[in-house]
Amino acid sequence: MGMGKKVAAFGIAKKIYDEARKPHNQAKIKAAVKKVQDRRRPH
């Protein structure tokens, strides 16, 4: 059972990695990171 979970986790990680490489998704990721950083920064 453990091997199946590892294979599934690898498949999901690869899908996320592939999606993150697309330029329009990179812009979304950068915007989300900036939003979180702005919220965490004390004023």
C-alpha atoms as a PDB file:
ATOM      1  CA  MET A   1       0.000   0.000   0.000  1.00  0.00           C
ATOM      2  CA  GLY A   2       2.832   2.431   0.795  1.00  0.00           C
ATOM      3  CA  MET A   3       4.266   2.207  -2.719  1.00  0.00           C
ATOM      4  CA  GLY A   4       0.902   3.124  -4.259  1.00  0.00           C
ATOM      5  CA  LYS A   5       0.640   6.222  -2.076  1.00  0.00           C
ATOM      6  CA  LYS A   6       4.150   7.296  -3.094  1.00  0.00           C
ATOM      7  CA  VAL A   7       3.318   6.878  -6.786  1.00  0.00           C
ATOM      8  CA  ALA A   8       0.080   8.846  -6.356  1.00  0.00           C
ATOM      9  CA  ALA A   9       1.865  11.613  -4.451  1.00  0.00           C
ATOM     10  CA  PHE A  10       4.521  11.814  -7.164  1.00  0.00           C
ATOM     11  CA  GLY A  11       1.839  12.071  -9.855  1.00  0.00           C
ATOM     12  CA  ILE A  12       0.095  14.894  -8.022  1.00  0.00           C
ATOM     13  CA  ALA A  13       3.393  16.718  -7.433  1.00  0.00           C
ATOM     14  CA  LYS A  14       4.270  16.432 -11.131  1.00  0.00           C
ATOM     15  CA  LYS A  15       0.876  17.848 -12.139  1.00  0.00           C
ATOM     16  CA  ILE A  16       1.344  20.815  -9.785  1.00  0.00           C
ATOM     17  CA  TYR A  17       4.883  21.379 -11.095  1.00  0.00           C
ATOM     18  CA  ASP A  18       3.734  21.266 -14.725  1.00  0.00           C
ATOM     19  CA  GLU A  19       0.907  23.736 -14.044  1.00  0.00           C
ATOM     20  CA  ALA A  20       3.247  26.064 -12.131  1.00  0.00           C
ATOM     21  CA  ARG A  21       5.571  26.288 -15.153  1.00  0.00           C
ATOM     22  CA  LYS A  22       2.871  27.870 -17.344  1.00  0.00           C
ATOM     23  CA  PRO A  23       3.391  31.656 -17.626  1.00  0.00           C
ATOM     24  CA  HIS A  24      -0.171  32.674 -16.741  1.00  0.00           C
ATOM     25  CA  ASN A  25      -0.054  30.467 -13.650  1.00  0.00           C
ATOM     26  CA  GLN A  26       3.334  31.922 -12.655  1.00  0.00           C
ATOM     27  CA  ALA A  27       1.740  35.380 -12.609  1.00  0.00           C
ATOM     28  CA  LYS A  28      -1.075  34.095 -10.376  1.00  0.00           C
ATOM     29  CA  ILE A  29       1.425  32.456  -8.012  1.00  0.00           C
ATOM     30  CA  LYS A  30       3.548  35.612  -7.771  1.00  0.00           C
ATOM     31  CA  ALA A  31       0.461  37.720  -7.053  1.00  0.00           C
ATOM     32  CA  ALA A  32      -0.690  35.310  -4.341  1.00  0.00           C
ATOM     33  CA  VAL A  33       2.762  35.254  -2.715  1.00  0.00           C
ATOM     34  CA  LYS A  34       2.923  39.059  -2.742  1.00  0.00           C
ATOM     35  CA  LYS A  35      -0.551  39.276  -1.198  1.00  0.00           C
ATOM     36  CA  VAL A  36       0.439  36.922   1.640  1.00  0.00           C
ATOM     37  CA  GLN A  37       3.714  38.788   2.221  1.00  0.00           C
ATOM     38  CA  ASP A  38       1.880  42.120   2.360  1.00  0.00           C
ATOM     39  CA  ARG A  39      -0.571  40.732   4.925  1.00  0.00           C
ATOM     40  CA  ARG A  40       2.201  39.352   7.112  1.00  0.00           C
ATOM     41  CA  ARG A  41       4.268  42.550   7.013  1.00  0.00           C
ATOM     42  CA  PRO A  42       3.561  44.725  10.100  1.00  0.00           C
ATOM     43  CA  HIS A  43       2.545  48.296   9.300  1.00  0.00           C
END
